[in-house]
Amino acid sequence: MPGAVLRIEEDGIDLRLNGGVLHVKRVQPQGARKVNAGEWAAEIGLKVGARFR
């Protein structure tokens, strides 16, 4: 399903796209500094199977 979280690891998160996978290493939450995507996922409680819309 597009937008679904496939994997969460220390080195980042993998998101399913239409026809592929996007590996995200860093994110920048609004009003904050850039952080490792895996750490961010743990901080916000993101789980495998969750969907971005």
PDB file of N, CA and C in Angstrom:
ATOM      1  N   MET A   1       0.847  -1.165   0.000  1.00  0.00           N
ATOM      2  CA  MET A   1       0.000   0.000   0.000  1.00  0.00           C
ATOM      3  C   MET A   1       0.905   1.244   0.000  1.00  0.00           C
ATOM      4  N   PRO A   2       0.789   2.141  -0.962  1.00  0.00           N
ATOM      5  CA  PRO A   2       1.641   3.330  -1.025  1.00  0.00           C
ATOM      6  C   PRO A   2       1.557   4.157   0.259  1.00  0.00           C
ATOM      7  N   GLY A   3       2.706   4.663   0.687  1.00  0.00           N
ATOM      8  CA  GLY A   3       2.780   5.466   1.895  1.00  0.00           C
ATOM      9  C   GLY A   3       2.976   4.662   3.163  1.00  0.00           C
ATOM     10  N   ALA A   4       3.030   3.339   3.055  1.00  0.00           N
ATOM     11  CA  ALA A   4       3.168   2.490   4.239  1.00  0.00           C
ATOM     12  C   ALA A   4       4.626   2.399   4.679  1.00  0.00           C
ATOM     13  N   VAL A   5       4.828   2.371   5.990  1.00  0.00           N
ATOM     14  CA  VAL A   5       6.157   2.191   6.564  1.00  0.00           C
ATOM     15  C   VAL A   5       6.497   0.706   6.490  1.00  0.00           C
ATOM     16  N   LEU A   6       7.590   0.387   5.804  1.00  0.00           N
ATOM     17  CA  LEU A   6       8.002  -1.009   5.636  1.00  0.00           C
ATOM     18  C   LEU A   6       9.016  -1.454   6.675  1.00  0.00           C
ATOM     19  N   ARG A   7       9.900  -0.522   7.072  1.00  0.00           N
ATOM     20  CA  ARG A   7      11.017  -0.891   7.951  1.00  0.00           C
ATOM     21  C   ARG A   7      11.428   0.337   8.738  1.00  0.00           C
ATOM     22  N   ILE A   8      11.774   0.138   9.996  1.00  0.00           N
ATOM     23  CA  ILE A   8      12.325   1.196  10.842  1.00  0.00           C
ATOM     24  C   ILE A   8      13.592   0.643  11.471  1.00  0.00           C
ATOM     25  N   GLU A   9      14.710   1.265  11.184  1.00  0.00           N
ATOM     26  CA  GLU A   9      16.009   0.839  11.708  1.00  0.00           C
ATOM     27  C   GLU A   9      16.783   2.075  12.152  1.00  0.00           C
ATOM     28  N   GLU A  10      17.930   1.868  12.786  1.00  0.00           N
ATOM     29  CA  GLU A  10      18.761   2.983  13.226  1.00  0.00           C
ATOM     30  C   GLU A  10      19.199   3.871  12.075  1.00  0.00           C
ATOM     31  N   ASP A  11      19.415   3.268  10.890  1.00  0.00           N
ATOM     32  CA  ASP A  11      19.923   4.041   9.754  1.00  0.00           C
ATOM     33  C   ASP A  11      18.821   4.757   8.978  1.00  0.00           C
ATOM     34  N   GLY A  12      17.558   4.594   9.360  1.00  0.00           N
ATOM     35  CA  GLY A  12      16.476   5.289   8.680  1.00  0.00           C
ATOM     36  C   GLY A  12      15.209   4.457   8.589  1.00  0.00           C
ATOM     37  N   ILE A  13      14.272   4.949   7.769  1.00  0.00           N
ATOM     38  CA  ILE A  13      13.010   4.250   7.576  1.00  0.00           C
ATOM     39  C   ILE A  13      12.779   4.029   6.085  1.00  0.00           C
ATOM     40  N   ASP A  14      12.086   2.952   5.752  1.00  0.00           N
ATOM     41  CA  ASP A  14      11.727   2.652   4.368  1.00  0.00           C
ATOM     42  C   ASP A  14      10.228   2.828   4.211  1.00  0.00           C
ATOM     43  N   LEU A  15       9.845   3.564   3.152  1.00  0.00           N
ATOM     44  CA  LEU A  15       8.442   3.803   2.844  1.00  0.00           C
ATOM     45  C   LEU A  15       8.114   3.200   1.495  1.00  0.00           C
ATOM     46  N   ARG A  16       6.985   2.520   1.395  1.00  0.00           N
ATOM     47  CA  ARG A  16       6.538   1.949   0.114  1.00  0.00           C
ATOM     48  C   ARG A  16       5.944   3.073  -0.731  1.00  0.00           C
ATOM     49  N   LEU A  17       6.349   3.114  -1.987  1.00  0.00           N
ATOM     50  CA  LEU A  17       5.808   4.059  -2.954  1.00  0.00           C
ATOM     51  C   LEU A  17       5.138   3.277  -4.067  1.00  0.00           C
ATOM     52  N   ASN A  18       4.485   3.972  -4.975  1.00  0.00           N
ATOM     53  CA  ASN A  18       3.939   3.304  -6.164  1.00  0.00           C
ATOM     54  C   ASN A  18       5.104   2.815  -6.996  1.00  0.00           C
ATOM     55  N   GLY A  19       5.362   1.513  -6.984  1.00  0.00           N
ATOM     56  CA  GLY A  19       6.419   0.941  -7.804  1.00  0.00           C
ATOM     57  C   GLY A  19       7.803   0.978  -7.201  1.00  0.00           C
ATOM     58  N   GLY A  20       7.946   1.268  -5.916  1.00  0.00           N
ATOM     59  CA  GLY A  20       9.283   1.289  -5.343  1.00  0.00           C
ATOM     60  C   GLY A  20       9.282   1.533  -3.851  1.00  0.00           C
ATOM     61  N   VAL A  21      10.487   1.749  -3.337  1.00  0.00           N
ATOM     62  CA  VAL A  21      10.691   1.992  -1.915  1.00  0.00           C
ATOM     63  C   VAL A  21      11.590   3.209  -1.766  1.00  0.00           C
ATOM     64  N   LEU A  22      11.252   4.086  -0.821  1.00  0.00           N
ATOM     65  CA  LEU A  22      12.062   5.262  -0.512  1.00  0.00           C
ATOM     66  C   LEU A  22      12.722   5.035   0.840  1.00  0.00           C
ATOM     67  N   HIS A  23      14.062   5.139   0.879  1.00  0.00           N
ATOM     68  CA  HIS A  23      14.795   5.024   2.142  1.00  0.00           C
ATOM     69  C   HIS A  23      15.051   6.441   2.642  1.00  0.00           C
ATOM     70  N   VAL A  24      14.515   6.777   3.802  1.00  0.00           N
ATOM     71  CA  VAL A  24      14.647   8.117   4.382  1.00  0.00           C
ATOM     72  C   VAL A  24      15.668   8.043   5.507  1.00  0.00           C
ATOM     73  N   LYS A  25      16.759   8.810   5.367  1.00  0.00           N
ATOM     74  CA  LYS A  25      17.819   8.798   6.381  1.00  0.00           C
ATOM     75  C   LYS A  25      17.641   9.884   7.430  1.00  0.00           C
ATOM     76  N   ARG A  26      17.170  11.072   7.004  1.00  0.00           N
ATOM     77  CA  ARG A  26      17.023  12.188   7.931  1.00  0.00           C
ATOM     78  C   ARG A  26      15.703  12.895   7.668  1.00  0.00           C
ATOM     79  N   VAL A  27      15.133  13.461   8.719  1.00  0.00           N
ATOM     80  CA  VAL A  27      13.908  14.252   8.602  1.00  0.00           C
ATOM     81  C   VAL A  27      14.118  15.561   9.346  1.00  0.00           C
ATOM     82  N   GLN A  28      13.309  16.564   8.997  1.00  0.00           N
ATOM     83  CA  GLN A  28      13.355  17.827   9.720  1.00  0.00           C
ATOM     84  C   GLN A  28      11.931  18.199  10.118  1.00  0.00           C
ATOM     85  N   PRO A  29      11.546  17.838  11.347  1.00  0.00           N
ATOM     86  CA  PRO A  29      10.212  18.211  11.814  1.00  0.00           C
ATOM     87  C   PRO A  29      10.069  19.735  11.824  1.00  0.00           C
ATOM     88  N   GLN A  30       8.850  20.212  11.618  1.00  0.00           N
ATOM     89  CA  GLN A  30       8.609  21.648  11.578  1.00  0.00           C
ATOM     90  C   GLN A  30       9.117  22.318  12.851  1.00  0.00           C
ATOM     91  N   GLY A  31       9.925  23.355  12.674  1.00  0.00           N
ATOM     92  CA  GLY A  31      10.448  24.119  13.793  1.00  0.00           C
ATOM     93  C   GLY A  31      11.580  23.454  14.554  1.00  0.00           C
ATOM     94  N   ALA A  32      12.130  22.372  14.015  1.00  0.00           N
ATOM     95  CA  ALA A  32      13.194  21.643  14.711  1.00  0.00           C
ATOM     96  C   ALA A  32      14.385  21.428  13.784  1.00  0.00           C
ATOM     97  N   ARG A  33      15.456  20.919  14.351  1.00  0.00           N
ATOM     98  CA  ARG A  33      16.656  20.629  13.554  1.00  0.00           C
ATOM     99  C   ARG A  33      16.499  19.284  12.853  1.00  0.00           C
ATOM    100  N   LYS A  34      17.350  19.016  11.879  1.00  0.00           N
ATOM    101  CA  LYS A  34      17.343  17.728  11.190  1.00  0.00           C
ATOM    102  C   LYS A  34      17.788  16.641  12.163  1.00  0.00           C
ATOM    103  N   VAL A  35      17.118  15.493  12.088  1.00  0.00           N
ATOM    104  CA  VAL A  35      17.440  14.364  12.962  1.00  0.00           C
ATOM    105  C   VAL A  35      17.433  13.071  12.151  1.00  0.00           C
ATOM    106  N   ASN A  36      18.062  12.051  12.693  1.00  0.00           N
ATOM    107  CA  ASN A  36      18.051  10.730  12.075  1.00  0.00           C
ATOM    108  C   ASN A  36      16.612  10.225  12.026  1.00  0.00           C
ATOM    109  N   ALA A  37      16.190   9.712  10.871  1.00  0.00           N
ATOM    110  CA  ALA A  37      14.801   9.278  10.694  1.00  0.00           C
ATOM    111  C   ALA A  37      14.431   8.121  11.619  1.00  0.00           C
ATOM    112  N   GLY A  38      15.364   7.217  11.879  1.00  0.00           N
ATOM    113  CA  GLY A  38      15.077   6.107  12.782  1.00  0.00           C
ATOM    114  C   GLY A  38      14.840   6.581  14.205  1.00  0.00           C
ATOM    115  N   GLU A  39      15.644   7.528  14.660  1.00  0.00           N
ATOM    116  CA  GLU A  39      15.462   8.092  16.002  1.00  0.00           C
ATOM    117  C   GLU A  39      14.136   8.840  16.091  1.00  0.00           C
ATOM    118  N   TRP A  40      13.836   9.620  15.055  1.00  0.00           N
ATOM    119  CA  TRP A  40      12.582  10.372  15.006  1.00  0.00           C
ATOM    120  C   TRP A  40      11.388   9.428  15.079  1.00  0.00           C
ATOM    121  N   ALA A  41      11.441   8.340  14.317  1.00  0.00           N
ATOM    122  CA  ALA A  41      10.348   7.368  14.315  1.00  0.00           C
ATOM    123  C   ALA A  41      10.118   6.808  15.717  1.00  0.00           C
ATOM    124  N   ALA A  42      11.203   6.504  16.427  1.00  0.00           N
ATOM    125  CA  ALA A  42      11.085   5.981  17.791  1.00  0.00           C
ATOM    126  C   ALA A  42      10.491   7.034  18.726  1.00  0.00           C
ATOM    127  N   GLU A  43      10.920   8.286  18.569  1.00  0.00           N
ATOM    128  CA  GLU A  43      10.436   9.367  19.435  1.00  0.00           C
ATOM    129  C   GLU A  43       8.939   9.594  19.294  1.00  0.00           C
ATOM    130  N   ILE A  44       8.423   9.493  18.066  1.00  0.00           N
ATOM    131  CA  ILE A  44       6.998   9.771  17.856  1.00  0.00           C
ATOM    132  C   ILE A  44       6.137   8.516  17.914  1.00  0.00           C
ATOM    133  N   GLY A  45       6.768   7.355  18.071  1.00  0.00           N
ATOM    134  CA  GLY A  45       6.018   6.105  18.163  1.00  0.00           C
ATOM    135  C   GLY A  45       5.560   5.556  16.818  1.00  0.00           C
ATOM    136  N   LEU A  46       6.262   5.916  15.736  1.00  0.00           N
ATOM    137  CA  LEU A  46       5.931   5.404  14.406  1.00  0.00           C
ATOM    138  C   LEU A  46       6.170   3.901  14.365  1.00  0.00           C
ATOM    139  N   LYS A  47       5.247   3.170  13.782  1.00  0.00           N
ATOM    140  CA  LYS A  47       5.332   1.708  13.720  1.00  0.00           C
ATOM    141  C   LYS A  47       5.296   1.225  12.275  1.00  0.00           C
ATOM    142  N   VAL A  48       5.896   0.064  12.032  1.00  0.00           N
ATOM    143  CA  VAL A  48       5.812  -0.582  10.723  1.00  0.00           C
ATOM    144  C   VAL A  48       4.338  -0.808  10.410  1.00  0.00           C
ATOM    145  N   GLY A  49       3.946  -0.482   9.181  1.00  0.00           N
ATOM    146  CA  GLY A  49       2.554  -0.624   8.759  1.00  0.00           C
ATOM    147  C   GLY A  49       1.778   0.678   8.798  1.00  0.00           C
ATOM    148  N   ALA A  50       2.285   1.674   9.547  1.00  0.00           N
ATOM    149  CA  ALA A  50       1.628   2.985   9.572  1.00  0.00           C
ATOM    150  C   ALA A  50       1.673   3.585   8.172  1.00  0.00           C
ATOM    151  N   ARG A  51       0.734   4.487   7.865  1.00  0.00           N
ATOM    152  CA  ARG A  51       0.691   5.093   6.533  1.00  0.00           C
ATOM    153  C   ARG A  51       0.813   6.601   6.608  1.00  0.00           C
ATOM    154  N   PHE A  52       1.585   7.157   5.666  1.00  0.00           N
ATOM    155  CA  PHE A  52       1.652   8.598   5.461  1.00  0.00           C
ATOM    156  C   PHE A  52       0.638   8.940   4.379  1.00  0.00           C
ATOM    157  N   ARG A  53      -0.045  10.047   4.519  1.00  0.00           N
ATOM    158  CA  ARG A  53      -1.025  10.469   3.509  1.00  0.00           C
ATOM    159  C   ARG A  53      -0.734  11.859   3.041  1.00  0.00           C
TER     160      ARG A  53
END
